[in-house]
């Protein structure tokens, strides 16, 4: 008798990698000529990145430096939810980027629809902020993984506990 195989679909961010990326980005900002004399700063506060710079143009450059470092460290940049650019003290501008962890209800429903429409004999169930997909055939599960990877979701997903 074939036993059930399963995997979990999750969306997680490694905060230590985010911290490393912020540190490396700040080192680069301090040495770059175009940031010389500017009040640019990147901080990580309670699963939220805070970017501060002199004006919106420099803020955009600061964001580019940060994103390049996040990509190099393997942090999914799809999981950054940027807020509005707001004025800060000292004539600077600030923007907050929330680090999204877990799969929200809309994306969970999309993933369930993808699983149902995959034409395979698998089941999926939502468990808080992750989704468990089970089936008898590991080939079917891998086919579902490929379909989920190709889907247009608002968060980056990872597959864990494949057994």
N, C-alpha and C. Protein backbone atom coordinates (compact mmCIF):
# COMPACT_ATOMS: atom_id res chain seq x y z
N UNK A 1 0.85 -1.19 0.00
CA UNK A 1 0.00 0.00 0.00
C UNK A 1 0.89 1.24 0.00
N UNK A 2 0.58 2.17 -0.89
CA UNK A 2 1.37 3.40 -0.99
C UNK A 2 0.94 4.37 0.11
N UNK A 3 1.93 4.92 0.78
CA UNK A 3 1.59 5.87 1.84
C UNK A 3 1.54 7.28 1.25
N UNK A 4 0.90 8.17 1.96
CA UNK A 4 0.74 9.55 1.51
C UNK A 4 2.07 10.30 1.60
N UNK A 5 2.37 11.06 0.56
CA UNK A 5 3.51 11.98 0.58
C UNK A 5 2.95 13.39 0.72
N UNK A 6 3.78 14.30 1.24
CA UNK A 6 3.28 15.66 1.42
C UNK A 6 4.43 16.66 1.41
N UNK A 7 4.06 17.93 1.25
CA UNK A 7 4.99 19.04 1.44
C UNK A 7 4.20 20.25 1.90
N UNK A 8 4.91 21.21 2.49
CA UNK A 8 4.29 22.44 2.96
C UNK A 8 4.74 23.60 2.09
N UNK A 9 3.80 24.48 1.78
CA UNK A 9 4.10 25.71 1.05
C UNK A 9 4.13 26.82 2.09
N UNK A 10 5.28 27.48 2.22
CA UNK A 10 5.43 28.55 3.22
C UNK A 10 6.03 29.79 2.55
N UNK A 11 5.99 30.88 3.26
CA UNK A 11 6.64 32.11 2.82
C UNK A 11 7.35 32.69 4.03
N UNK A 12 8.66 32.50 4.08
CA UNK A 12 9.44 32.94 5.23
C UNK A 12 10.62 33.79 4.77
N UNK A 13 11.06 34.67 5.66
CA UNK A 13 12.24 35.50 5.43
C UNK A 13 13.21 35.23 6.57
N UNK A 14 14.47 34.98 6.23
CA UNK A 14 15.51 34.77 7.23
C UNK A 14 15.98 36.15 7.71
N UNK A 15 15.59 36.52 8.92
CA UNK A 15 15.89 37.86 9.44
C UNK A 15 17.39 38.09 9.64
N UNK A 16 18.15 37.03 9.90
CA UNK A 16 19.60 37.21 10.03
C UNK A 16 20.21 37.60 8.70
N UNK A 17 19.69 37.06 7.60
CA UNK A 17 20.18 37.45 6.27
C UNK A 17 19.78 38.90 5.95
N UNK A 18 18.60 39.30 6.40
CA UNK A 18 18.17 40.70 6.19
C UNK A 18 19.11 41.64 6.96
N UNK A 19 19.44 41.27 8.20
CA UNK A 19 20.37 42.07 9.00
C UNK A 19 21.72 42.18 8.32
N UNK A 20 22.22 41.06 7.79
CA UNK A 20 23.50 41.07 7.08
C UNK A 20 23.43 41.97 5.85
N UNK A 21 22.33 41.88 5.10
CA UNK A 21 22.18 42.69 3.89
C UNK A 21 22.13 44.18 4.24
N UNK A 22 21.44 44.53 5.32
CA UNK A 22 21.37 45.93 5.75
C UNK A 22 22.76 46.44 6.14
N UNK A 23 23.52 45.63 6.87
CA UNK A 23 24.87 46.01 7.28
C UNK A 23 25.77 46.24 6.06
N UNK A 24 25.72 45.32 5.11
CA UNK A 24 26.55 45.44 3.91
C UNK A 24 26.12 46.66 3.08
N UNK A 25 24.80 46.88 2.98
CA UNK A 25 24.30 48.03 2.21
C UNK A 25 24.75 49.34 2.85
N UNK A 26 24.72 49.42 4.19
CA UNK A 26 25.15 50.65 4.86
C UNK A 26 26.65 50.88 4.67
N UNK A 27 27.44 49.82 4.65
CA UNK A 27 28.88 49.98 4.38
C UNK A 27 29.09 50.57 3.00
N UNK A 28 28.34 50.06 2.02
CA UNK A 28 28.47 50.59 0.66
C UNK A 28 28.02 52.04 0.57
N UNK A 29 26.93 52.38 1.25
CA UNK A 29 26.42 53.75 1.22
C UNK A 29 27.45 54.72 1.81
N UNK A 30 28.11 54.30 2.87
CA UNK A 30 29.11 55.17 3.51
C UNK A 30 30.32 55.41 2.61
N UNK A 31 30.62 54.47 1.71
CA UNK A 31 31.80 54.63 0.85
C UNK A 31 31.48 55.20 -0.52
N UNK A 32 30.21 55.25 -0.90
CA UNK A 32 29.87 55.73 -2.25
C UNK A 32 29.93 57.25 -2.32
N UNK A 33 30.45 57.73 -3.44
CA UNK A 33 30.65 59.16 -3.64
C UNK A 33 29.31 59.92 -3.71
N UNK A 34 28.32 59.34 -4.39
CA UNK A 34 27.04 60.04 -4.54
C UNK A 34 26.25 60.14 -3.23
N UNK A 35 26.65 59.41 -2.20
CA UNK A 35 26.01 59.54 -0.89
C UNK A 35 26.85 60.35 0.09
N UNK A 36 27.95 60.91 -0.38
CA UNK A 36 28.85 61.66 0.50
C UNK A 36 28.11 62.87 1.09
N UNK A 37 28.10 63.00 2.40
CA UNK A 37 27.45 64.12 3.07
C UNK A 37 25.94 64.00 3.19
N UNK A 38 25.35 62.89 2.75
CA UNK A 38 23.90 62.75 2.86
C UNK A 38 23.54 62.09 4.19
N UNK A 39 22.28 62.23 4.57
CA UNK A 39 21.80 61.65 5.82
C UNK A 39 21.05 60.35 5.54
N UNK A 40 21.65 59.47 4.75
CA UNK A 40 21.00 58.21 4.38
C UNK A 40 21.24 57.15 5.43
N UNK A 41 20.18 56.38 5.71
CA UNK A 41 20.28 55.35 6.73
C UNK A 41 19.25 54.25 6.44
N UNK A 42 19.62 53.01 6.78
CA UNK A 42 18.71 51.87 6.69
C UNK A 42 18.74 51.18 8.05
N UNK A 43 17.54 50.95 8.63
CA UNK A 43 17.45 50.27 9.92
C UNK A 43 16.42 49.15 9.82
N UNK A 44 16.62 48.13 10.63
CA UNK A 44 15.65 47.04 10.75
C UNK A 44 15.00 47.16 12.12
N UNK A 45 13.69 47.44 12.12
CA UNK A 45 12.94 47.60 13.37
C UNK A 45 11.74 46.66 13.37
N UNK A 46 11.76 45.65 14.21
CA UNK A 46 10.62 44.75 14.39
C UNK A 46 10.03 44.26 13.06
N UNK A 47 10.79 43.54 12.28
CA UNK A 47 10.37 43.01 10.99
C UNK A 47 9.88 44.12 10.04
N UNK A 48 10.54 45.27 10.10
CA UNK A 48 10.22 46.38 9.22
C UNK A 48 11.50 47.13 8.91
N UNK A 49 11.76 47.37 7.64
CA UNK A 49 12.93 48.15 7.23
C UNK A 49 12.54 49.62 7.17
N UNK A 50 13.40 50.49 7.69
CA UNK A 50 13.15 51.92 7.64
C UNK A 50 14.29 52.54 6.84
N UNK A 51 13.94 53.17 5.70
CA UNK A 51 14.92 53.82 4.85
C UNK A 51 14.75 55.33 4.99
N UNK A 52 15.84 56.04 5.28
CA UNK A 52 15.82 57.49 5.45
C UNK A 52 16.88 58.07 4.54
N UNK A 53 16.54 59.16 3.81
CA UNK A 53 17.52 59.83 2.96
C UNK A 53 17.12 61.29 2.78
N UNK A 54 18.00 62.03 2.07
CA UNK A 54 17.80 63.47 1.91
C UNK A 54 16.56 63.82 1.07
N UNK A 55 16.37 63.11 -0.04
CA UNK A 55 15.24 63.38 -0.92
C UNK A 55 14.79 62.07 -1.57
N UNK A 56 13.72 62.15 -2.36
CA UNK A 56 13.16 60.93 -2.95
C UNK A 56 14.12 60.28 -3.94
N UNK A 57 14.90 61.07 -4.65
CA UNK A 57 15.87 60.51 -5.61
C UNK A 57 16.92 59.67 -4.88
N UNK A 58 17.48 60.22 -3.81
CA UNK A 58 18.48 59.48 -3.04
C UNK A 58 17.85 58.27 -2.35
N UNK A 59 16.59 58.41 -1.95
CA UNK A 59 15.87 57.29 -1.35
C UNK A 59 15.74 56.14 -2.36
N UNK A 60 15.48 56.48 -3.61
CA UNK A 60 15.41 55.46 -4.66
C UNK A 60 16.75 54.76 -4.85
N UNK A 61 17.84 55.53 -4.82
CA UNK A 61 19.18 54.94 -4.94
C UNK A 61 19.48 54.05 -3.73
N UNK A 62 19.08 54.49 -2.55
CA UNK A 62 19.29 53.72 -1.33
C UNK A 62 18.52 52.39 -1.41
N UNK A 63 17.30 52.46 -1.93
CA UNK A 63 16.49 51.27 -2.10
C UNK A 63 17.15 50.30 -3.09
N UNK A 64 17.73 50.83 -4.18
CA UNK A 64 18.42 49.98 -5.16
C UNK A 64 19.61 49.26 -4.53
N UNK A 65 20.39 49.98 -3.72
CA UNK A 65 21.54 49.37 -3.05
C UNK A 65 21.05 48.25 -2.12
N UNK A 66 20.02 48.53 -1.34
CA UNK A 66 19.49 47.54 -0.41
C UNK A 66 18.95 46.31 -1.15
N UNK A 67 18.19 46.53 -2.22
CA UNK A 67 17.62 45.40 -2.96
C UNK A 67 18.71 44.52 -3.55
N UNK A 68 19.78 45.13 -4.07
CA UNK A 68 20.86 44.32 -4.63
C UNK A 68 21.51 43.45 -3.55
N UNK A 69 21.66 43.99 -2.36
CA UNK A 69 22.26 43.20 -1.27
C UNK A 69 21.30 42.11 -0.78
N UNK A 70 20.01 42.41 -0.74
CA UNK A 70 19.02 41.40 -0.33
C UNK A 70 19.00 40.24 -1.33
N UNK A 71 19.07 40.56 -2.62
CA UNK A 71 19.06 39.52 -3.65
C UNK A 71 20.30 38.64 -3.52
N UNK A 72 21.46 39.26 -3.29
CA UNK A 72 22.70 38.48 -3.13
C UNK A 72 22.63 37.55 -1.93
N UNK A 73 21.92 37.94 -0.89
CA UNK A 73 21.83 37.12 0.33
C UNK A 73 20.68 36.11 0.24
N UNK A 74 19.95 36.10 -0.86
CA UNK A 74 18.87 35.13 -1.03
C UNK A 74 17.58 35.48 -0.32
N UNK A 75 17.37 36.75 -0.01
CA UNK A 75 16.14 37.19 0.64
C UNK A 75 15.11 37.50 -0.45
N UNK A 76 13.90 36.93 -0.38
CA UNK A 76 12.90 37.20 -1.42
C UNK A 76 12.40 38.65 -1.35
N UNK A 77 12.66 39.42 -2.39
CA UNK A 77 12.27 40.84 -2.37
C UNK A 77 10.79 41.03 -2.69
N UNK A 78 10.12 39.98 -3.14
CA UNK A 78 8.67 40.05 -3.34
C UNK A 78 7.95 40.23 -2.00
N UNK A 79 8.61 39.82 -0.93
CA UNK A 79 8.00 39.88 0.40
C UNK A 79 8.17 41.23 1.09
N UNK A 80 8.67 42.24 0.38
CA UNK A 80 8.77 43.58 0.94
C UNK A 80 7.52 44.36 0.55
N UNK A 81 6.84 44.93 1.53
CA UNK A 81 5.63 45.71 1.29
C UNK A 81 5.94 47.16 1.64
N UNK A 82 6.19 47.98 0.62
CA UNK A 82 6.61 49.36 0.84
C UNK A 82 5.44 50.25 1.20
N UNK A 83 5.67 51.13 2.16
CA UNK A 83 4.68 52.13 2.54
C UNK A 83 4.89 53.40 1.73
N UNK A 84 4.17 54.45 2.09
CA UNK A 84 4.32 55.73 1.40
C UNK A 84 5.59 56.43 1.84
N UNK A 85 6.11 57.26 0.94
CA UNK A 85 7.26 58.11 1.29
C UNK A 85 6.70 59.27 2.10
N UNK A 86 7.28 59.50 3.28
CA UNK A 86 6.78 60.55 4.17
C UNK A 86 7.94 61.45 4.58
N UNK A 87 7.61 62.65 4.95
CA UNK A 87 8.62 63.59 5.43
C UNK A 87 9.09 63.19 6.82
N UNK A 88 10.38 63.41 7.07
CA UNK A 88 10.94 63.09 8.38
C UNK A 88 11.65 64.34 8.91
N UNK A 89 12.21 64.24 10.11
CA UNK A 89 12.87 65.40 10.72
C UNK A 89 14.14 65.76 9.97
N UNK A 90 14.51 67.02 10.02
CA UNK A 90 15.75 67.48 9.41
C UNK A 90 15.68 67.59 7.89
N UNK A 91 14.48 67.71 7.34
CA UNK A 91 14.33 67.86 5.90
C UNK A 91 14.59 66.57 5.12
N UNK A 92 14.50 65.44 5.77
CA UNK A 92 14.73 64.17 5.10
C UNK A 92 13.39 63.49 4.78
N UNK A 93 13.46 62.41 4.01
CA UNK A 93 12.26 61.61 3.72
C UNK A 93 12.49 60.20 4.23
N UNK A 94 11.37 59.55 4.58
CA UNK A 94 11.44 58.21 5.15
C UNK A 94 10.44 57.31 4.45
N UNK A 95 10.83 56.05 4.29
CA UNK A 95 9.92 55.04 3.75
C UNK A 95 10.09 53.75 4.54
N UNK A 96 8.97 53.16 4.88
CA UNK A 96 9.01 51.90 5.63
C UNK A 96 8.66 50.75 4.68
N UNK A 97 9.36 49.63 4.85
CA UNK A 97 9.09 48.43 4.07
C UNK A 97 8.86 47.28 5.04
N UNK A 98 7.64 46.79 5.07
CA UNK A 98 7.29 45.70 5.99
C UNK A 98 7.75 44.38 5.38
N UNK A 99 8.35 43.53 6.21
CA UNK A 99 8.77 42.20 5.77
C UNK A 99 7.58 41.25 5.97
N UNK A 100 7.02 40.77 4.87
CA UNK A 100 5.83 39.92 4.94
C UNK A 100 6.25 38.47 5.17
N UNK A 101 5.75 37.89 6.25
CA UNK A 101 6.02 36.49 6.59
C UNK A 101 4.70 35.73 6.53
N UNK A 102 4.71 34.55 5.98
CA UNK A 102 3.51 33.72 5.91
C UNK A 102 2.69 34.03 4.68
N UNK A 103 1.76 33.15 4.40
CA UNK A 103 0.90 33.28 3.22
C UNK A 103 -0.45 33.83 3.68
N UNK A 104 -0.86 34.96 3.11
CA UNK A 104 -2.14 35.55 3.46
C UNK A 104 -3.29 34.77 2.81
N UNK A 105 -4.53 35.10 3.18
CA UNK A 105 -5.69 34.34 2.73
C UNK A 105 -5.87 34.39 1.21
N UNK A 106 -5.62 35.55 0.60
CA UNK A 106 -5.81 35.66 -0.85
C UNK A 106 -4.85 34.75 -1.60
N UNK A 107 -3.57 34.77 -1.22
CA UNK A 107 -2.60 33.90 -1.87
C UNK A 107 -2.87 32.43 -1.57
N UNK A 108 -3.34 32.13 -0.36
CA UNK A 108 -3.67 30.75 0.00
C UNK A 108 -4.80 30.23 -0.89
N UNK A 109 -5.81 31.08 -1.13
CA UNK A 109 -6.91 30.67 -2.01
C UNK A 109 -6.41 30.45 -3.43
N UNK A 110 -5.51 31.34 -3.90
CA UNK A 110 -4.94 31.18 -5.25
C UNK A 110 -4.19 29.85 -5.36
N UNK A 111 -3.41 29.54 -4.33
CA UNK A 111 -2.63 28.29 -4.34
C UNK A 111 -3.57 27.09 -4.33
N UNK A 112 -4.64 27.15 -3.54
CA UNK A 112 -5.62 26.05 -3.52
C UNK A 112 -6.25 25.85 -4.89
N UNK A 113 -6.57 26.94 -5.58
CA UNK A 113 -7.14 26.86 -6.93
C UNK A 113 -6.13 26.24 -7.90
N UNK A 114 -4.86 26.63 -7.78
CA UNK A 114 -3.81 26.07 -8.63
C UNK A 114 -3.71 24.57 -8.41
N UNK A 115 -3.76 24.14 -7.14
CA UNK A 115 -3.67 22.71 -6.82
C UNK A 115 -4.85 21.96 -7.41
N UNK A 116 -6.06 22.52 -7.27
CA UNK A 116 -7.26 21.85 -7.80
C UNK A 116 -7.22 21.78 -9.32
N UNK A 117 -6.73 22.84 -9.98
CA UNK A 117 -6.70 22.89 -11.44
C UNK A 117 -5.50 22.18 -12.05
N UNK A 118 -4.63 21.61 -11.23
CA UNK A 118 -3.42 20.98 -11.75
C UNK A 118 -3.70 19.64 -12.43
N UNK A 119 -4.87 19.07 -12.21
CA UNK A 119 -5.21 17.81 -12.84
C UNK A 119 -4.54 16.62 -12.19
N UNK A 120 -4.04 16.79 -10.97
CA UNK A 120 -3.39 15.70 -10.26
C UNK A 120 -4.26 15.26 -9.10
N UNK A 121 -3.95 14.09 -8.58
CA UNK A 121 -4.73 13.54 -7.46
C UNK A 121 -4.06 13.93 -6.15
N UNK A 122 -4.15 15.21 -5.81
CA UNK A 122 -3.58 15.72 -4.56
C UNK A 122 -4.63 16.56 -3.84
N UNK A 123 -4.43 16.71 -2.54
CA UNK A 123 -5.32 17.54 -1.71
C UNK A 123 -4.48 18.64 -1.08
N UNK A 124 -5.12 19.77 -0.83
CA UNK A 124 -4.42 20.85 -0.13
C UNK A 124 -5.31 21.37 0.97
N UNK A 125 -4.65 21.81 2.05
CA UNK A 125 -5.40 22.40 3.15
C UNK A 125 -4.59 23.54 3.75
N UNK A 126 -5.30 24.61 4.10
CA UNK A 126 -4.67 25.79 4.68
C UNK A 126 -4.49 25.56 6.17
N UNK A 127 -3.24 25.77 6.66
CA UNK A 127 -2.95 25.64 8.08
C UNK A 127 -2.30 26.93 8.54
N UNK A 128 -3.11 27.84 9.09
CA UNK A 128 -2.66 29.16 9.53
C UNK A 128 -2.00 29.91 8.38
N UNK A 129 -0.65 30.06 8.41
CA UNK A 129 0.01 30.85 7.37
C UNK A 129 0.81 29.97 6.42
N UNK A 130 0.44 28.69 6.31
CA UNK A 130 1.09 27.80 5.37
C UNK A 130 0.05 26.85 4.79
N UNK A 131 0.44 26.12 3.74
CA UNK A 131 -0.49 25.20 3.08
C UNK A 131 0.17 23.83 2.99
N UNK A 132 -0.55 22.80 3.38
CA UNK A 132 -0.04 21.43 3.25
C UNK A 132 -0.69 20.79 2.04
N UNK A 133 0.14 20.21 1.17
CA UNK A 133 -0.33 19.51 -0.02
C UNK A 133 0.03 18.03 0.16
N UNK A 134 -0.97 17.15 0.03
CA UNK A 134 -0.72 15.71 0.19
C UNK A 134 -1.22 14.96 -1.03
N UNK A 135 -0.55 13.84 -1.31
CA UNK A 135 -0.94 12.98 -2.42
C UNK A 135 -0.17 11.69 -2.36
N UNK A 136 -0.61 10.69 -3.14
CA UNK A 136 0.07 9.39 -3.12
C UNK A 136 1.33 9.40 -3.97
N UNK A 137 1.33 10.15 -5.07
CA UNK A 137 2.45 10.13 -6.01
C UNK A 137 3.35 11.34 -5.81
N UNK A 138 4.65 11.10 -5.64
CA UNK A 138 5.60 12.20 -5.50
C UNK A 138 5.72 12.98 -6.81
N UNK A 139 5.49 12.30 -7.94
CA UNK A 139 5.52 12.98 -9.24
C UNK A 139 4.41 14.02 -9.33
N UNK A 140 3.22 13.66 -8.82
CA UNK A 140 2.11 14.62 -8.80
C UNK A 140 2.46 15.82 -7.93
N UNK A 141 3.09 15.57 -6.79
CA UNK A 141 3.47 16.66 -5.89
C UNK A 141 4.48 17.59 -6.56
N UNK A 142 5.43 17.01 -7.29
CA UNK A 142 6.41 17.84 -7.98
C UNK A 142 5.77 18.64 -9.10
N UNK A 143 4.77 18.07 -9.73
CA UNK A 143 4.03 18.79 -10.78
C UNK A 143 3.29 19.98 -10.17
N UNK A 144 2.71 19.79 -8.99
CA UNK A 144 2.02 20.88 -8.29
C UNK A 144 3.01 21.96 -7.89
N UNK A 145 4.21 21.56 -7.41
CA UNK A 145 5.26 22.53 -7.06
C UNK A 145 5.60 23.41 -8.26
N UNK A 146 5.76 22.79 -9.42
CA UNK A 146 6.09 23.54 -10.63
C UNK A 146 4.98 24.53 -10.99
N UNK A 147 3.73 24.10 -10.84
CA UNK A 147 2.59 24.97 -11.13
C UNK A 147 2.55 26.16 -10.17
N UNK A 148 2.85 25.92 -8.90
CA UNK A 148 2.83 27.00 -7.91
C UNK A 148 3.97 27.98 -8.18
N UNK A 149 5.16 27.46 -8.57
CA UNK A 149 6.29 28.35 -8.89
C UNK A 149 5.96 29.28 -10.04
N UNK A 150 5.22 28.78 -11.02
CA UNK A 150 4.88 29.59 -12.20
C UNK A 150 3.76 30.59 -11.93
N UNK A 151 3.04 30.42 -10.85
CA UNK A 151 1.90 31.28 -10.55
C UNK A 151 2.36 32.69 -10.20
N UNK A 152 1.48 33.65 -10.45
CA UNK A 152 1.76 35.05 -10.15
C UNK A 152 1.22 35.39 -8.76
N UNK A 153 2.04 35.12 -7.74
CA UNK A 153 1.65 35.38 -6.35
C UNK A 153 2.33 36.66 -5.88
N UNK A 154 1.77 37.29 -4.86
CA UNK A 154 2.34 38.54 -4.35
C UNK A 154 3.46 38.29 -3.34
N UNK A 155 3.68 37.04 -2.95
CA UNK A 155 4.78 36.69 -2.05
C UNK A 155 5.59 35.56 -2.67
N UNK A 156 6.83 35.46 -2.25
CA UNK A 156 7.71 34.37 -2.67
C UNK A 156 7.41 33.16 -1.78
N UNK A 157 7.28 31.98 -2.38
CA UNK A 157 6.97 30.80 -1.58
C UNK A 157 8.14 29.82 -1.61
N UNK A 158 8.27 29.05 -0.54
CA UNK A 158 9.25 27.99 -0.44
C UNK A 158 8.50 26.70 -0.13
N UNK A 159 9.13 25.59 -0.48
CA UNK A 159 8.54 24.27 -0.24
C UNK A 159 9.41 23.56 0.80
N UNK A 160 8.78 23.16 1.90
CA UNK A 160 9.52 22.49 2.96
C UNK A 160 8.83 21.17 3.32
N UNK A 161 9.51 20.35 4.12
CA UNK A 161 8.97 19.09 4.64
C UNK A 161 8.46 18.16 3.53
N UNK A 162 9.20 18.08 2.44
CA UNK A 162 8.81 17.17 1.35
C UNK A 162 9.13 15.75 1.78
N UNK A 163 8.10 14.92 1.97
CA UNK A 163 8.33 13.54 2.37
C UNK A 163 7.31 12.62 1.71
